PDB file of N, CA and C in Angstrom:
ATOM      1  N   MET A   1      95.841  75.400  73.662  1.00  0.00           N
ATOM      2  CA  MET A   1      95.262  75.874  74.906  1.00  0.00           C
ATOM      3  C   MET A   1      94.378  77.078  74.601  1.00  0.00           C
ATOM      4  N   THR A   2      93.129  76.995  74.980  1.00  0.00           N
ATOM      5  CA  THR A   2      92.189  78.079  74.754  1.00  0.00           C
ATOM      6  C   THR A   2      91.873  78.753  76.078  1.00  0.00           C
ATOM      7  N   TYR A   3      91.894  80.060  76.073  1.00  0.00           N
ATOM      8  CA  TYR A   3      91.523  80.815  77.268  1.00  0.00           C
ATOM      9  C   TYR A   3      91.023  82.178  76.841  1.00  0.00           C
ATOM     10  N   ARG A   4      90.264  82.788  77.705  1.00  0.00           N
ATOM     11  CA  ARG A   4      89.784  84.132  77.434  1.00  0.00           C
ATOM     12  C   ARG A   4      90.915  85.108  77.710  1.00  0.00           C
ATOM     13  N   ALA A   5      91.179  86.013  76.790  1.00  0.00           N
ATOM     14  CA  ALA A   5      92.289  86.951  76.937  1.00  0.00           C
ATOM     15  C   ALA A   5      92.018  88.000  78.008  1.00  0.00           C
ATOM     16  N   ILE A   6      90.750  88.362  78.203  1.00  0.00           N
ATOM     17  CA  ILE A   6      90.406  89.388  79.186  1.00  0.00           C
ATOM     18  C   ILE A   6      89.370  88.819  80.139  1.00  0.00           C
ATOM     19  N   LEU A   7      89.636  88.933  81.419  1.00  0.00           N
ATOM     20  CA  LEU A   7      88.696  88.496  82.445  1.00  0.00           C
ATOM     21  C   LEU A   7      88.058  89.721  83.080  1.00  0.00           C
ATOM     22  N   THR A   8      86.770  89.634  83.378  1.00  0.00           N
ATOM     23  CA  THR A   8      86.090  90.730  84.064  1.00  0.00           C
ATOM     24  C   THR A   8      85.446  90.200  85.327  1.00  0.00           C
ATOM     25  N   GLN A   9      85.404  91.056  86.332  1.00  0.00           N
ATOM     26  CA  GLN A   9      84.799  90.686  87.608  1.00  0.00           C
ATOM     27  C   GLN A   9      84.172  91.944  88.186  1.00  0.00           C
ATOM     28  N   GLN A  10      82.917  91.857  88.602  1.00  0.00           N
ATOM     29  CA  GLN A  10      82.258  93.019  89.181  1.00  0.00           C
ATOM     30  C   GLN A  10      82.348  92.946  90.691  1.00  0.00           C
ATOM     31  N   ASP A  11      82.766  94.064  91.295  1.00  0.00           N
ATOM     32  CA  ASP A  11      82.887  94.177  92.744  1.00  0.00           C
ATOM     33  C   ASP A  11      82.096  95.406  93.161  1.00  0.00           C
ATOM     34  N   GLY A  12      80.821  95.207  93.454  1.00  0.00           N
ATOM     35  CA  GLY A  12      79.957  96.348  93.758  1.00  0.00           C
ATOM     36  C   GLY A  12      79.764  97.178  92.499  1.00  0.00           C
ATOM     37  N   ALA A  13      80.061  98.472  92.594  1.00  0.00           N
ATOM     38  CA  ALA A  13      79.923  99.359  91.443  1.00  0.00           C
ATOM     39  C   ALA A  13      81.157  99.339  90.547  1.00  0.00           C
ATOM     40  N   ALA A  14      82.232  98.716  91.009  1.00  0.00           N
ATOM     41  CA  ALA A  14      83.480  98.696  90.237  1.00  0.00           C
ATOM     42  C   ALA A  14      83.563  97.444  89.381  1.00  0.00           C
ATOM     43  N   LEU A  15      84.076  97.606  88.190  1.00  0.00           N
ATOM     44  CA  LEU A  15      84.325  96.485  87.298  1.00  0.00           C
ATOM     45  C   LEU A  15      85.833  96.309  87.197  1.00  0.00           C
ATOM     46  N   ILE A  16      86.318  95.130  87.521  1.00  0.00           N
ATOM     47  CA  ILE A  16      87.746  94.833  87.482  1.00  0.00           C
ATOM     48  C   ILE A  16      88.033  94.082  86.190  1.00  0.00           C
ATOM     49  N   ILE A  17      88.933  94.631  85.385  1.00  0.00           N
ATOM     50  CA  ILE A  17      89.314  94.018  84.115  1.00  0.00           C
ATOM     51  C   ILE A  17      90.750  93.524  84.247  1.00  0.00           C
ATOM     52  N   THR A  18      90.977  92.261  83.931  1.00  0.00           N
ATOM     53  CA  THR A  18      92.290  91.643  84.099  1.00  0.00           C
ATOM     54  C   THR A  18      92.698  90.939  82.812  1.00  0.00           C
ATOM     55  N   LEU A  19      93.972  91.050  82.466  1.00  0.00           N
ATOM     56  CA  LEU A  19      94.499  90.279  81.339  1.00  0.00           C
ATOM     57  C   LEU A  19      94.725  88.844  81.788  1.00  0.00           C
ATOM     58  N   ASN A  20      94.257  87.895  81.017  1.00  0.00           N
ATOM     59  CA  ASN A  20      94.478  86.486  81.328  1.00  0.00           C
ATOM     60  C   ASN A  20      95.675  85.986  80.523  1.00  0.00           C
ATOM     61  N   ARG A  21      96.755  86.734  80.571  1.00  0.00           N
ATOM     62  CA  ARG A  21      97.985  86.388  79.872  1.00  0.00           C
ATOM     63  C   ARG A  21      99.124  86.630  80.848  1.00  0.00           C
ATOM     64  N   PRO A  22      99.622  85.599  81.510  1.00  0.00           N
ATOM     65  CA  PRO A  22     100.670  85.799  82.516  1.00  0.00           C
ATOM     66  C   PRO A  22     101.874  86.578  82.009  1.00  0.00           C
ATOM     67  N   ASP A  23     102.288  86.360  80.761  1.00  0.00           N
ATOM     68  CA  ASP A  23     103.451  87.092  80.245  1.00  0.00           C
ATOM     69  C   ASP A  23     103.173  88.586  80.167  1.00  0.00           C
ATOM     70  N   LYS A  24     101.994  88.971  79.721  1.00  0.00           N
ATOM     71  CA  LYS A  24     101.625  90.387  79.636  1.00  0.00           C
ATOM     72  C   LYS A  24     101.379  90.957  81.024  1.00  0.00           C
ATOM     73  N   ARG A  25     100.690  90.200  81.859  1.00  0.00           N
ATOM     74  CA  ARG A  25     100.369  90.666  83.208  1.00  0.00           C
ATOM     75  C   ARG A  25     101.646  90.911  84.003  1.00  0.00           C
ATOM     76  N   ASN A  26     102.619  90.019  83.880  1.00  0.00           N
ATOM     77  CA  ASN A  26     103.878  90.204  84.597  1.00  0.00           C
ATOM     78  C   ASN A  26     104.601  91.460  84.136  1.00  0.00           C
ATOM     79  N   ALA A  27     104.563  91.755  82.849  1.00  0.00           N
ATOM     80  CA  ALA A  27     105.201  92.967  82.335  1.00  0.00           C
ATOM     81  C   ALA A  27     104.521  94.205  82.895  1.00  0.00           C
ATOM     82  N   ILE A  28     103.205  94.195  82.942  1.00  0.00           N
ATOM     83  CA  ILE A  28     102.463  95.336  83.472  1.00  0.00           C
ATOM     84  C   ILE A  28     102.713  95.484  84.965  1.00  0.00           C
ATOM     85  N   GLU A  29     102.723  94.383  85.704  1.00  0.00           N
ATOM     86  CA  GLU A  29     102.970  94.454  87.143  1.00  0.00           C
ATOM     87  C   GLU A  29     104.367  94.986  87.436  1.00  0.00           C
ATOM     88  N   PHE A  30     105.365  94.601  86.644  1.00  0.00           N
ATOM     89  CA  PHE A  30     106.726  95.088  86.855  1.00  0.00           C
ATOM     90  C   PHE A  30     106.803  96.585  86.576  1.00  0.00           C
ATOM     91  N   GLU A  31     106.149  97.027  85.511  1.00  0.00           N
ATOM     92  CA  GLU A  31     106.141  98.446  85.177  1.00  0.00           C
ATOM     93  C   GLU A  31     105.444  99.243  86.278  1.00  0.00           C
ATOM     94  N   THR A  32     104.344  98.730  86.795  1.00  0.00           N
ATOM     95  CA  THR A  32     103.642  99.391  87.896  1.00  0.00           C
ATOM     96  C   THR A  32     104.529  99.465  89.127  1.00  0.00           C
ATOM     97  N   PHE A  33     105.265  98.398  89.417  1.00  0.00           N
ATOM     98  CA  PHE A  33     106.194  98.380  90.542  1.00  0.00           C
ATOM     99  C   PHE A  33     107.238  99.483  90.389  1.00  0.00           C
ATOM    100  N   LEU A  34     107.804  99.621  89.182  1.00  0.00           N
ATOM    101  CA  LEU A  34     108.816 100.650  88.954  1.00  0.00           C
ATOM    102  C   LEU A  34     108.244 102.049  89.144  1.00  0.00           C
ATOM    103  N   VAL A  35     107.034 102.274  88.664  1.00  0.00           N
ATOM    104  CA  VAL A  35     106.402 103.584  88.823  1.00  0.00           C
ATOM    105  C   VAL A  35     106.196 103.899  90.298  1.00  0.00           C
ATOM    106  N   THR A  36     105.752 102.921  91.086  1.00  0.00           N
ATOM    107  CA  THR A  36     105.544 103.174  92.513  1.00  0.00           C
ATOM    108  C   THR A  36     106.863 103.411  93.236  1.00  0.00           C
ATOM    109  N   MET A  37     107.949 102.812  92.747  1.00  0.00           N
ATOM    110  CA  MET A  37     109.254 103.017  93.378  1.00  0.00           C
ATOM    111  C   MET A  37     109.750 104.452  93.191  1.00  0.00           C
ATOM    112  N   ILE A  38     109.494 105.057  92.027  1.00  0.00           N
ATOM    113  CA  ILE A  38     109.999 106.405  91.779  1.00  0.00           C
ATOM    114  C   ILE A  38     109.011 107.492  92.193  1.00  0.00           C
ATOM    115  N   TYR A  39     107.796 107.108  92.556  1.00  0.00           N
ATOM    116  CA  TYR A  39     106.742 108.092  92.798  1.00  0.00           C
ATOM    117  C   TYR A  39     107.116 109.117  93.867  1.00  0.00           C
ATOM    118  N   GLY A  40     107.769 108.714  94.938  1.00  0.00           N
ATOM    119  CA  GLY A  40     108.085 109.636  96.020  1.00  0.00           C
ATOM    120  C   GLY A  40     109.494 110.197  95.981  1.00  0.00           C
ATOM    121  N   THR A  41     110.223 110.009  94.898  1.00  0.00           N
ATOM    122  CA  THR A  41     111.613 110.450  94.853  1.00  0.00           C
ATOM    123  C   THR A  41     111.724 111.933  94.506  1.00  0.00           C
ATOM    124  N   LYS A  42     112.863 112.516  94.854  1.00  0.00           N
ATOM    125  CA  LYS A  42     113.123 113.915  94.510  1.00  0.00           C
ATOM    126  C   LYS A  42     113.262 114.086  93.000  1.00  0.00           C
ATOM    127  N   ASP A  43     113.795 113.063  92.340  1.00  0.00           N
ATOM    128  CA  ASP A  43     113.920 113.141  90.883  1.00  0.00           C
ATOM    129  C   ASP A  43     112.552 113.235  90.218  1.00  0.00           C
ATOM    130  N   LYS A  44     111.578 112.520  90.737  1.00  0.00           N
ATOM    131  CA  LYS A  44     110.221 112.611  90.186  1.00  0.00           C
ATOM    132  C   LYS A  44     109.666 114.004  90.415  1.00  0.00           C
ATOM    133  N   GLN A  45     109.936 114.560  91.592  1.00  0.00           N
ATOM    134  CA  GLN A  45     109.456 115.906  91.898  1.00  0.00           C
ATOM    135  C   GLN A  45     110.122 116.945  90.998  1.00  0.00           C
ATOM    136  N   GLU A  46     111.303 116.661  90.500  1.00  0.00           N
ATOM    137  CA  GLU A  46     111.994 117.550  89.555  1.00  0.00           C
ATOM    138  C   GLU A  46     111.535 117.281  88.129  1.00  0.00           C
ATOM    139  N   GLY A  47     111.260 116.039  87.807  1.00  0.00           N
ATOM    140  CA  GLY A  47     110.948 115.658  86.436  1.00  0.00           C
ATOM    141  C   GLY A  47     109.660 116.249  85.899  1.00  0.00           C
ATOM    142  N   ILE A  48     108.618 116.238  86.695  1.00  0.00           N
ATOM    143  CA  ILE A  48     107.323 116.742  86.218  1.00  0.00           C
ATOM    144  C   ILE A  48     107.374 118.240  85.937  1.00  0.00           C
ATOM    145  N   PRO A  49     107.862 119.072  86.880  1.00  0.00           N
ATOM    146  CA  PRO A  49     107.956 120.502  86.558  1.00  0.00           C
ATOM    147  C   PRO A  49     108.868 120.777  85.353  1.00  0.00           C
ATOM    148  N   ALA A  50     109.969 120.040  85.240  1.00  0.00           N
ATOM    149  CA  ALA A  50     110.869 120.229  84.099  1.00  0.00           C
ATOM    150  C   ALA A  50     110.136 119.935  82.791  1.00  0.00           C
ATOM    151  N   PHE A  51     109.348 118.879  82.780  1.00  0.00           N
ATOM    152  CA  PHE A  51     108.578 118.536  81.586  1.00  0.00           C
ATOM    153  C   PHE A  51     107.570 119.632  81.266  1.00  0.00           C
ATOM    154  N   LEU A  52     106.831 120.087  82.276  1.00  0.00           N
ATOM    155  CA  LEU A  52     105.809 121.113  82.060  1.00  0.00           C
ATOM    156  C   LEU A  52     106.424 122.444  81.634  1.00  0.00           C
ATOM    157  N   GLU A  53     107.615 122.736  82.146  1.00  0.00           N
ATOM    158  CA  GLU A  53     108.303 123.988  81.797  1.00  0.00           C
ATOM    159  C   GLU A  53     109.157 123.844  80.536  1.00  0.00           C
ATOM    160  N   LYS A  54     109.125 122.650  79.929  1.00  0.00           N
ATOM    161  CA  LYS A  54     109.875 122.349  78.699  1.00  0.00           C
ATOM    162  C   LYS A  54     111.366 122.651  78.858  1.00  0.00           C
ATOM    163  N   ARG A  55     111.913 122.214  79.980  1.00  0.00           N
ATOM    164  CA  ARG A  55     113.340 122.387  80.223  1.00  0.00           C
ATOM    165  C   ARG A  55     113.950 121.037  80.560  1.00  0.00           C
ATOM    166  N   LYS A  56     115.251 120.967  80.489  1.00  0.00           N
ATOM    167  CA  LYS A  56     115.956 119.735  80.810  1.00  0.00           C
ATOM    168  C   LYS A  56     115.934 119.538  82.330  1.00  0.00           C
ATOM    169  N   PRO A  57     115.561 118.354  82.819  1.00  0.00           N
ATOM    170  CA  PRO A  57     115.525 118.125  84.270  1.00  0.00           C
ATOM    171  C   PRO A  57     116.927 118.060  84.867  1.00  0.00           C
ATOM    172  N   ARG A  58     117.025 118.453  86.124  1.00  0.00           N
ATOM    173  CA  ARG A  58     118.287 118.374  86.860  1.00  0.00           C
ATOM    174  C   ARG A  58     118.162 117.253  87.893  1.00  0.00           C
ATOM    175  N   PHE A  59     118.321 116.018  87.429  1.00  0.00           N
ATOM    176  CA  PHE A  59     118.196 114.856  88.299  1.00  0.00           C
ATOM    177  C   PHE A  59     119.425 114.712  89.187  1.00  0.00           C
ATOM    178  N   GLU A  60     119.191 114.287  90.434  1.00  0.00           N
ATOM    179  CA  GLU A  60     120.267 114.093  91.403  1.00  0.00           C
ATOM    180  C   GLU A  60     120.459 112.626  91.775  1.00  0.00           C
ATOM    181  N   GLY A  61     119.618 111.755  91.256  1.00  0.00           N
ATOM    182  CA  GLY A  61     119.706 110.338  91.608  1.00  0.00           C
ATOM    183  C   GLY A  61     119.143 110.044  92.986  1.00  0.00           C
ATOM    184  N   LYS A  62     118.240 110.889  93.447  1.00  0.00           N
ATOM    185  CA  LYS A  62     117.637 110.705  94.781  1.00  0.00           C
ATOM    186  C   LYS A  62     116.141 110.578  94.665  1.00  0.00           C
TER     187      LYS A  62
END
């Protein structure tokens, strides 16, 4: 089976680049989903300052 590994599509001034590999795309989509799930959590709000201050984070599981 031959296919192009990377697909491109122009939408106005934006260029959309997509992987044409369902196994890779699914992994990336799942990782993106996880990032969006933690984005608004209190633990995320604690994690970034802890990283910048080079200290251990105090996560609460919230």
